[in-house]
Amino acid sequence: MLGWVVTFLVIALIAGVLGFGGIAGASIEIAKIIFFIAVVLFLVSAVVGLARGRNRI
């Protein structure tokens, strides 16, 4: 998922250098949304992993 973030950041940088401000802005917003989704999914999986790990006796 973080690969998608890097892809959209590269698209935004290239579009910004070439003068396509609208495309650059849209790409950076998509990259931010995907990044925060990845962070939330990581935190959820970390909490679930910790909860499962503590049940062992």
PDB file of N, CA and C in Angstrom:
ATOM      1  N   MET A   1       0.822  -1.186   0.000  1.00  0.00           N
ATOM      2  CA  MET A   1       0.000   0.000   0.000  1.00  0.00           C
ATOM      3  C   MET A   1       0.870   1.254   0.000  1.00  0.00           C
ATOM      4  N   LEU A   2       2.002   1.182   0.713  1.00  0.00           N
ATOM      5  CA  LEU A   2       2.878   2.346   0.714  1.00  0.00           C
ATOM      6  C   LEU A   2       3.529   2.559  -0.647  1.00  0.00           C
ATOM      7  N   GLY A   3       3.583   1.512  -1.447  1.00  0.00           N
ATOM      8  CA  GLY A   3       4.074   1.655  -2.815  1.00  0.00           C
ATOM      9  C   GLY A   3       3.190   2.585  -3.631  1.00  0.00           C
ATOM     10  N   TRP A   4       1.880   2.505  -3.393  1.00  0.00           N
ATOM     11  CA  TRP A   4       0.954   3.408  -4.063  1.00  0.00           C
ATOM     12  C   TRP A   4       1.197   4.851  -3.642  1.00  0.00           C
ATOM     13  N   VAL A   5       1.509   5.045  -2.372  1.00  0.00           N
ATOM     14  CA  VAL A   5       1.780   6.397  -1.873  1.00  0.00           C
ATOM     15  C   VAL A   5       2.984   6.978  -2.592  1.00  0.00           C
ATOM     16  N   VAL A   6       4.039   6.181  -2.697  1.00  0.00           N
ATOM     17  CA  VAL A   6       5.248   6.651  -3.377  1.00  0.00           C
ATOM     18  C   VAL A   6       4.954   6.937  -4.847  1.00  0.00           C
ATOM     19  N   THR A   7       4.151   6.087  -5.483  1.00  0.00           N
ATOM     20  CA  THR A   7       3.797   6.297  -6.885  1.00  0.00           C
ATOM     21  C   THR A   7       3.074   7.621  -7.074  1.00  0.00           C
ATOM     22  N   PHE A   8       2.082   7.899  -6.239  1.00  0.00           N
ATOM     23  CA  PHE A   8       1.348   9.147  -6.371  1.00  0.00           C
ATOM     24  C   PHE A   8       2.210  10.351  -6.026  1.00  0.00           C
ATOM     25  N   LEU A   9       3.152  10.198  -5.096  1.00  0.00           N
ATOM     26  CA  LEU A   9       4.060  11.302  -4.795  1.00  0.00           C
ATOM     27  C   LEU A   9       4.971  11.602  -5.981  1.00  0.00           C
ATOM     28  N   VAL A  10       5.453  10.564  -6.649  1.00  0.00           N
ATOM     29  CA  VAL A  10       6.295  10.769  -7.828  1.00  0.00           C
ATOM     30  C   VAL A  10       5.494  11.427  -8.940  1.00  0.00           C
ATOM     31  N   ILE A  11       4.264  10.990  -9.145  1.00  0.00           N
ATOM     32  CA  ILE A  11       3.391  11.614 -10.152  1.00  0.00           C
ATOM     33  C   ILE A  11       3.180  13.080  -9.816  1.00  0.00           C
ATOM     34  N   ALA A  12       2.952  13.378  -8.535  1.00  0.00           N
ATOM     35  CA  ALA A  12       2.737  14.762  -8.128  1.00  0.00           C
ATOM     36  C   ALA A  12       3.979  15.616  -8.356  1.00  0.00           C
ATOM     37  N   LEU A  13       5.154  15.071  -8.046  1.00  0.00           N
ATOM     38  CA  LEU A  13       6.385  15.823  -8.258  1.00  0.00           C
ATOM     39  C   LEU A  13       6.642  16.101  -9.736  1.00  0.00           C
ATOM     40  N   ILE A  14       6.441  15.087 -10.557  1.00  0.00           N
ATOM     41  CA  ILE A  14       6.653  15.262 -11.994  1.00  0.00           C
ATOM     42  C   ILE A  14       5.644  16.251 -12.560  1.00  0.00           C
ATOM     43  N   ALA A  15       4.384  16.120 -12.153  1.00  0.00           N
ATOM     44  CA  ALA A  15       3.354  17.046 -12.643  1.00  0.00           C
ATOM     45  C   ALA A  15       3.635  18.466 -12.170  1.00  0.00           C
ATOM     46  N   GLY A  16       4.120  18.614 -10.947  1.00  0.00           N
ATOM     47  CA  GLY A  16       4.444  19.945 -10.440  1.00  0.00           C
ATOM     48  C   GLY A  16       5.589  20.575 -11.203  1.00  0.00           C
ATOM     49  N   VAL A  17       6.619  19.789 -11.528  1.00  0.00           N
ATOM     50  CA  VAL A  17       7.757  20.313 -12.289  1.00  0.00           C
ATOM     51  C   VAL A  17       7.328  20.726 -13.693  1.00  0.00           C
ATOM     52  N   LEU A  18       6.418  19.949 -14.279  1.00  0.00           N
ATOM     53  CA  LEU A  18       5.971  20.250 -15.641  1.00  0.00           C
ATOM     54  C   LEU A  18       4.892  21.334 -15.685  1.00  0.00           C
ATOM     55  N   GLY A  19       4.417  21.776 -14.526  1.00  0.00           N
ATOM     56  CA  GLY A  19       3.459  22.873 -14.508  1.00  0.00           C
ATOM     57  C   GLY A  19       2.001  22.468 -14.442  1.00  0.00           C
ATOM     58  N   PHE A  20       1.730  21.221 -14.213  1.00  0.00           N
ATOM     59  CA  PHE A  20       0.348  20.762 -14.099  1.00  0.00           C
ATOM     60  C   PHE A  20      -0.064  20.800 -12.627  1.00  0.00           C
ATOM     61  N   GLY A  21      -0.435  21.968 -12.151  1.00  0.00           N
ATOM     62  CA  GLY A  21      -0.737  22.154 -10.732  1.00  0.00           C
ATOM     63  C   GLY A  21      -1.946  21.369 -10.254  1.00  0.00           C
ATOM     64  N   GLY A  22      -2.968  21.279 -11.085  1.00  0.00           N
ATOM     65  CA  GLY A  22      -4.178  20.552 -10.694  1.00  0.00           C
ATOM     66  C   GLY A  22      -3.925  19.070 -10.505  1.00  0.00           C
ATOM     67  N   ILE A  23      -3.189  18.506 -11.432  1.00  0.00           N
ATOM     68  CA  ILE A  23      -2.863  17.084 -11.339  1.00  0.00           C
ATOM     69  C   ILE A  23      -1.950  16.836 -10.146  1.00  0.00           C
ATOM     70  N   ALA A  24      -1.002  17.738  -9.923  1.00  0.00           N
ATOM     71  CA  ALA A  24      -0.086  17.587  -8.795  1.00  0.00           C
ATOM     72  C   ALA A  24      -0.846  17.655  -7.475  1.00  0.00           C
ATOM     73  N   GLY A  25      -1.766  18.601  -7.368  1.00  0.00           N
ATOM     74  CA  GLY A  25      -2.557  18.730  -6.144  1.00  0.00           C
ATOM     75  C   GLY A  25      -3.431  17.511  -5.890  1.00  0.00           C
ATOM     76  N   ALA A  26      -4.051  17.018  -6.946  1.00  0.00           N
ATOM     77  CA  ALA A  26      -4.901  15.834  -6.803  1.00  0.00           C
ATOM     78  C   ALA A  26      -4.076  14.615  -6.409  1.00  0.00           C
ATOM     79  N   SER A  27      -2.916  14.472  -7.019  1.00  0.00           N
ATOM     80  CA  SER A  27      -2.063  13.320  -6.705  1.00  0.00           C
ATOM     81  C   SER A  27      -1.561  13.373  -5.275  1.00  0.00           C
ATOM     82  N   ILE A  28      -1.221  14.547  -4.794  1.00  0.00           N
ATOM     83  CA  ILE A  28      -0.722  14.657  -3.428  1.00  0.00           C
ATOM     84  C   ILE A  28      -1.844  14.372  -2.435  1.00  0.00           C
ATOM     85  N   GLU A  29      -3.064  14.772  -2.750  1.00  0.00           N
ATOM     86  CA  GLU A  29      -4.197  14.476  -1.864  1.00  0.00           C
ATOM     87  C   GLU A  29      -4.484  12.979  -1.824  1.00  0.00           C
ATOM     88  N   ILE A  30      -4.420  12.321  -2.968  1.00  0.00           N
ATOM     89  CA  ILE A  30      -4.623  10.871  -3.010  1.00  0.00           C
ATOM     90  C   ILE A  30      -3.526  10.170  -2.216  1.00  0.00           C
ATOM     91  N   ALA A  31      -2.292  10.646  -2.369  1.00  0.00           N
ATOM     92  CA  ALA A  31      -1.181  10.042  -1.637  1.00  0.00           C
ATOM     93  C   ALA A  31      -1.371  10.198  -0.132  1.00  0.00           C
ATOM     94  N   LYS A  32      -1.851  11.363   0.317  1.00  0.00           N
ATOM     95  CA  LYS A  32      -2.079  11.573   1.748  1.00  0.00           C
ATOM     96  C   LYS A  32      -3.179  10.657   2.274  1.00  0.00           C
ATOM     97  N   ILE A  33      -4.249  10.519   1.506  1.00  0.00           N
ATOM     98  CA  ILE A  33      -5.359   9.664   1.937  1.00  0.00           C
ATOM     99  C   ILE A  33      -4.899   8.214   2.048  1.00  0.00           C
ATOM    100  N   ILE A  34      -4.186   7.725   1.034  1.00  0.00           N
ATOM    101  CA  ILE A  34      -3.712   6.342   1.062  1.00  0.00           C
ATOM    102  C   ILE A  34      -2.722   6.137   2.199  1.00  0.00           C
ATOM    103  N   PHE A  35      -1.863   7.139   2.463  1.00  0.00           N
ATOM    104  CA  PHE A  35      -0.903   7.023   3.552  1.00  0.00           C
ATOM    105  C   PHE A  35      -1.616   6.889   4.892  1.00  0.00           C
ATOM    106  N   PHE A  36      -2.630   7.720   5.142  1.00  0.00           N
ATOM    107  CA  PHE A  36      -3.336   7.642   6.417  1.00  0.00           C
ATOM    108  C   PHE A  36      -4.131   6.348   6.546  1.00  0.00           C
ATOM    109  N   ILE A  37      -4.665   5.844   5.452  1.00  0.00           N
ATOM    110  CA  ILE A  37      -5.337   4.546   5.485  1.00  0.00           C
ATOM    111  C   ILE A  37      -4.336   3.454   5.849  1.00  0.00           C
ATOM    112  N   ALA A  38      -3.122   3.523   5.278  1.00  0.00           N
ATOM    113  CA  ALA A  38      -2.088   2.533   5.587  1.00  0.00           C
ATOM    114  C   ALA A  38      -1.689   2.601   7.056  1.00  0.00           C
ATOM    115  N   VAL A  39      -1.583   3.810   7.602  1.00  0.00           N
ATOM    116  CA  VAL A  39      -1.226   3.966   9.015  1.00  0.00           C
ATOM    117  C   VAL A  39      -2.312   3.378   9.908  1.00  0.00           C
ATOM    118  N   VAL A  40      -3.566   3.649   9.585  1.00  0.00           N
ATOM    119  CA  VAL A  40      -4.676   3.119  10.387  1.00  0.00           C
ATOM    120  C   VAL A  40      -4.705   1.597  10.317  1.00  0.00           C
ATOM    121  N   LEU A  41      -4.522   1.033   9.127  1.00  0.00           N
ATOM    122  CA  LEU A  41      -4.511  -0.427   8.999  1.00  0.00           C
ATOM    123  C   LEU A  41      -3.346  -1.037   9.762  1.00  0.00           C
ATOM    124  N   PHE A  42      -2.189  -0.370   9.759  1.00  0.00           N
ATOM    125  CA  PHE A  42      -1.055  -0.869  10.522  1.00  0.00           C
ATOM    126  C   PHE A  42      -1.362  -0.868  12.012  1.00  0.00           C
ATOM    127  N   LEU A  43      -1.949   0.212  12.507  1.00  0.00           N
ATOM    128  CA  LEU A  43      -2.270   0.284  13.934  1.00  0.00           C
ATOM    129  C   LEU A  43      -3.296  -0.771  14.334  1.00  0.00           C
ATOM    130  N   VAL A  44      -4.298  -0.978  13.483  1.00  0.00           N
ATOM    131  CA  VAL A  44      -5.307  -2.000  13.777  1.00  0.00           C
ATOM    132  C   VAL A  44      -4.663  -3.383  13.805  1.00  0.00           C
ATOM    133  N   SER A  45      -3.818  -3.675  12.836  1.00  0.00           N
ATOM    134  CA  SER A  45      -3.190  -4.993  12.820  1.00  0.00           C
ATOM    135  C   SER A  45      -2.223  -5.160  13.991  1.00  0.00           C
ATOM    136  N   ALA A  46      -1.567  -4.084  14.423  1.00  0.00           N
ATOM    137  CA  ALA A  46      -0.676  -4.167  15.579  1.00  0.00           C
ATOM    138  C   ALA A  46      -1.466  -4.452  16.854  1.00  0.00           C
ATOM    139  N   VAL A  47      -2.601  -3.793  17.022  1.00  0.00           N
ATOM    140  CA  VAL A  47      -3.427  -4.020  18.206  1.00  0.00           C
ATOM    141  C   VAL A  47      -3.986  -5.436  18.205  1.00  0.00           C
ATOM    142  N   VAL A  48      -4.454  -5.900  17.060  1.00  0.00           N
ATOM    143  CA  VAL A  48      -4.981  -7.262  16.972  1.00  0.00           C
ATOM    144  C   VAL A  48      -3.872  -8.276  17.238  1.00  0.00           C
ATOM    145  N   GLY A  49      -2.673  -8.026  16.719  1.00  0.00           N
ATOM    146  CA  GLY A  49      -1.548  -8.925  16.964  1.00  0.00           C
ATOM    147  C   GLY A  49      -1.169  -8.968  18.428  1.00  0.00           C
ATOM    148  N   LEU A  50      -1.185  -7.833  19.084  1.00  0.00           N
ATOM    149  CA  LEU A  50      -0.883  -7.810  20.521  1.00  0.00           C
ATOM    150  C   LEU A  50      -1.966  -8.530  21.329  1.00  0.00           C
ATOM    151  N   ALA A  51      -3.212  -8.355  20.945  1.00  0.00           N
ATOM    152  CA  ALA A  51      -4.320  -8.998  21.652  1.00  0.00           C
ATOM    153  C   ALA A  51      -4.246 -10.520  21.498  1.00  0.00           C
ATOM    154  N   ARG A  52      -3.899 -10.986  20.314  1.00  0.00           N
ATOM    155  CA  ARG A  52      -3.795 -12.426  20.091  1.00  0.00           C
ATOM    156  C   ARG A  52      -2.580 -12.994  20.795  1.00  0.00           C
ATOM    157  N   GLY A  53      -1.503 -12.271  20.848  1.00  0.00           N
ATOM    158  CA  GLY A  53      -0.283 -12.756  21.457  1.00  0.00           C
ATOM    159  C   GLY A  53      -0.385 -12.922  22.959  1.00  0.00           C
ATOM    160  N   ARG A  54      -1.232 -12.167  23.616  1.00  0.00           N
ATOM    161  CA  ARG A  54      -1.356 -12.235  25.063  1.00  0.00           C
ATOM    162  C   ARG A  54      -2.235 -13.393  25.524  1.00  0.00           C
ATOM    163  N   ASN A  55      -2.983 -14.000  24.644  1.00  0.00           N
ATOM    164  CA  ASN A  55      -3.867 -15.090  25.035  1.00  0.00           C
ATOM    165  C   ASN A  55      -3.132 -16.401  25.234  1.00  0.00           C
ATOM    166  N   ARG A  56      -1.886 -16.502  24.810  1.00  0.00           N
ATOM    167  CA  ARG A  56      -1.134 -17.744  24.968  1.00  0.00           C
ATOM    168  C   ARG A  56      -0.758 -17.941  26.434  1.00  0.00           C
ATOM    169  N   ILE A  57      -0.869 -19.196  26.875  1.00  0.00           N
ATOM    170  CA  ILE A  57      -0.543 -19.517  28.269  1.00  0.00           C
ATOM    171  C   ILE A  57       0.608 -20.493  28.301  1.00  0.00           C
TER     172      ILE A  57
END
